[in-house]
C-alpha atoms as a PDB file:
ATOM      1  CA  UNK A   1       0.140  -0.058   0.069  1.00  0.00           C
ATOM      2  CA  UNK A   2       2.915   2.619   1.210  1.00  0.00           C
ATOM      3  CA  UNK A   3       4.381   1.533  -2.161  1.00  0.00           C
ATOM      4  CA  UNK A   4       1.516   2.606  -4.256  1.00  0.00           C
ATOM      5  CA  UNK A   5       1.241   6.088  -2.944  1.00  0.00           C
ATOM      6  CA  UNK A   6       6.127   6.241  -3.692  1.00  0.00           C
ATOM      7  CA  UNK A   7       5.149   5.129  -7.004  1.00  0.00           C
ATOM      8  CA  UNK A   8       1.971   6.938  -7.428  1.00  0.00           C
ATOM      9  CA  UNK A   9       3.816  10.790  -5.969  1.00  0.00           C
ATOM     10  CA  UNK A  10       7.084   9.578  -7.916  1.00  0.00           C
ATOM     11  CA  UNK A  11       4.737   9.129 -11.527  1.00  0.00           C
ATOM     12  CA  UNK A  12       2.565  11.726 -11.096  1.00  0.00           C
ATOM     13  CA  UNK A  13       5.806  14.375 -10.833  1.00  0.00           C
ATOM     14  CA  UNK A  14       7.191  13.339 -13.825  1.00  0.00           C
ATOM     15  CA  UNK A  15       3.502  13.835 -15.698  1.00  0.00           C
ATOM     16  CA  UNK A  16       3.803  17.251 -13.972  1.00  0.00           C
ATOM     17  CA  UNK A  17       6.541  18.012 -14.524  1.00  0.00           C
ATOM     18  CA  UNK A  18       6.544  16.329 -18.576  1.00  0.00           C
ATOM     19  CA  UNK A  19       3.253  18.604 -19.170  1.00  0.00           C
ATOM     20  CA  UNK A  20       5.114  22.085 -17.300  1.00  0.00           C
ATOM     21  CA  UNK A  21       8.404  21.762 -20.027  1.00  0.00           C
ATOM     22  CA  UNK A  22       5.578  21.140 -23.034  1.00  0.00           C
ATOM     23  CA  UNK A  23       3.796  24.173 -21.553  1.00  0.00           C
ATOM     24  CA  UNK A  24       6.891  26.100 -20.923  1.00  0.00           C
ATOM     25  CA  UNK A  25       5.763  26.978 -17.154  1.00  0.00           C
ATOM     26  CA  UNK A  26       8.470  25.080 -15.449  1.00  0.00           C
ATOM     27  CA  UNK A  27      10.508  27.896 -14.659  1.00  0.00           C
ATOM     28  CA  UNK A  28       7.755  28.547 -12.301  1.00  0.00           C
ATOM     29  CA  UNK A  29       7.158  25.394 -10.532  1.00  0.00           C
ATOM     30  CA  UNK A  30       9.079  23.602  -8.114  1.00  0.00           C
ATOM     31  CA  UNK A  31       8.776  19.462  -7.212  1.00  0.00           C
ATOM     32  CA  UNK A  32       6.021  19.920  -5.329  1.00  0.00           C
ATOM     33  CA  UNK A  33       3.639  21.466  -7.905  1.00  0.00           C
ATOM     34  CA  UNK A  34       4.735  18.987 -10.234  1.00  0.00           C
ATOM     35  CA  UNK A  35       3.765  16.446  -8.042  1.00  0.00           C
ATOM     36  CA  UNK A  36      -0.044  18.277  -7.860  1.00  0.00           C
ATOM     37  CA  UNK A  37      -0.835  18.870 -11.507  1.00  0.00           C
ATOM     38  CA  UNK A  38       0.332  15.233 -12.643  1.00  0.00           C
ATOM     39  CA  UNK A  39      -1.965  13.765  -9.496  1.00  0.00           C
ATOM     40  CA  UNK A  40      -5.158  16.501 -10.278  1.00  0.00           C
ATOM     41  CA  UNK A  41      -4.641  16.418 -13.699  1.00  0.00           C
ATOM     42  CA  UNK A  42      -4.981  12.935 -14.032  1.00  0.00           C
ATOM     43  CA  UNK A  43      -7.559  13.116 -12.225  1.00  0.00           C
ATOM     44  CA  UNK A  44      -8.970  15.826 -14.548  1.00  0.00           C
ATOM     45  CA  UNK A  45      -8.054  13.110 -17.417  1.00  0.00           C
ATOM     46  CA  UNK A  46      -9.719   9.849 -15.740  1.00  0.00           C
ATOM     47  CA  UNK A  47     -13.548  12.378 -15.555  1.00  0.00           C
ATOM     48  CA  UNK A  48     -12.523  14.189 -19.191  1.00  0.00           C
ATOM     49  CA  UNK A  49     -10.588  11.751 -21.288  1.00  0.00           C
ATOM     50  CA  UNK A  50     -11.352   8.971 -20.201  1.00  0.00           C
ATOM     51  CA  UNK A  51     -13.801   7.569 -20.854  1.00  0.00           C
ATOM     52  CA  UNK A  52     -13.855   8.831 -24.874  1.00  0.00           C
ATOM     53  CA  UNK A  53     -10.937   6.684 -25.180  1.00  0.00           C
ATOM     54  CA  UNK A  54     -12.311   3.516 -22.741  1.00  0.00           C
ATOM     55  CA  UNK A  55      -8.815   4.068 -21.364  1.00  0.00           C
ATOM     56  CA  UNK A  56      -7.738   4.641 -16.916  1.00  0.00           C
ATOM     57  CA  UNK A  57      -5.187   7.120 -15.582  1.00  0.00           C
ATOM     58  CA  UNK A  58      -2.589   6.702 -13.310  1.00  0.00           C
ATOM     59  CA  UNK A  59      -5.107   7.067 -10.490  1.00  0.00           C
ATOM     60  CA  UNK A  60      -6.537   4.341 -11.623  1.00  0.00           C
ATOM     61  CA  UNK A  61      -3.821   1.573 -10.017  1.00  0.00           C
ATOM     62  CA  UNK A  62      -3.052   1.414 -13.865  1.00  0.00           C
ATOM     63  CA  UNK A  63       0.777   1.684 -14.914  1.00  0.00           C
ATOM     64  CA  UNK A  64       0.621   1.151 -18.632  1.00  0.00           C
ATOM     65  CA  UNK A  65       1.881   3.271 -21.769  1.00  0.00           C
ATOM     66  CA  UNK A  66      -2.002   4.182 -22.608  1.00  0.00           C
ATOM     67  CA  UNK A  67      -2.783   5.452 -18.773  1.00  0.00           C
ATOM     68  CA  UNK A  68       0.595   7.110 -18.793  1.00  0.00           C
ATOM     69  CA  UNK A  69      -0.343   9.076 -22.485  1.00  0.00           C
ATOM     70  CA  UNK A  70      -4.087  10.106 -20.514  1.00  0.00           C
ATOM     71  CA  UNK A  71      -2.485  11.384 -17.717  1.00  0.00           C
ATOM     72  CA  UNK A  72      -0.167  13.869 -19.801  1.00  0.00           C
ATOM     73  CA  UNK A  73      -3.102  14.465 -21.411  1.00  0.00           C
ATOM     74  CA  UNK A  74      -4.722  14.894 -18.310  1.00  0.00           C
ATOM     75  CA  UNK A  75      -1.935  17.781 -16.669  1.00  0.00           C
ATOM     76  CA  UNK A  76      -1.747  19.550 -20.525  1.00  0.00           C
ATOM     77  CA  UNK A  77      -5.344  20.563 -19.942  1.00  0.00           C
ATOM     78  CA  UNK A  78      -5.034  21.412 -16.862  1.00  0.00           C
ATOM     79  CA  UNK A  79      -2.244  23.678 -16.401  1.00  0.00           C
ATOM     80  CA  UNK A  80      -3.505  25.912 -19.841  1.00  0.00           C
ATOM     81  CA  UNK A  81      -6.709  25.974 -17.566  1.00  0.00           C
ATOM     82  CA  UNK A  82      -4.133  28.003 -14.873  1.00  0.00           C
ATOM     83  CA  UNK A  83      -2.647  29.809 -17.683  1.00  0.00           C
ATOM     84  CA  UNK A  84      -5.782  31.142 -19.301  1.00  0.00           C
ATOM     85  CA  UNK A  85      -7.452  32.332 -15.900  1.00  0.00           C
ATOM     86  CA  UNK A  86      -3.411  33.081 -14.893  1.00  0.00           C
ATOM     87  CA  UNK A  87      -2.823  35.409 -18.047  1.00  0.00           C
ATOM     88  CA  UNK A  88      -5.566  35.412 -19.345  1.00  0.00           C
ATOM     89  CA  UNK A  89      -4.384  33.648 -22.572  1.00  0.00           C
ATOM     90  CA  UNK A  90      -2.575  30.105 -23.292  1.00  0.00           C
ATOM     91  CA  UNK A  91       0.471  29.836 -24.282  1.00  0.00           C
END
């Protein structure tokens, strides 16, 4: 159980970091915010993207390539929404 949470945090951090690199917000974020973005982005993907493609996210305990991509897409959408409200436009 504890090992699953640690793996979930690490994978969430990596996903959040990759999403921040893709949207060029990495300089504004630290490690903790990357983990938060990765995990919340995966939750967002579980509600929005996963039903459309029929794939799970990392929050559902599946660490396949498809679930990582869906979770990454959710993190990118989350950062895009945050950038929209923060700056008034998505970069």
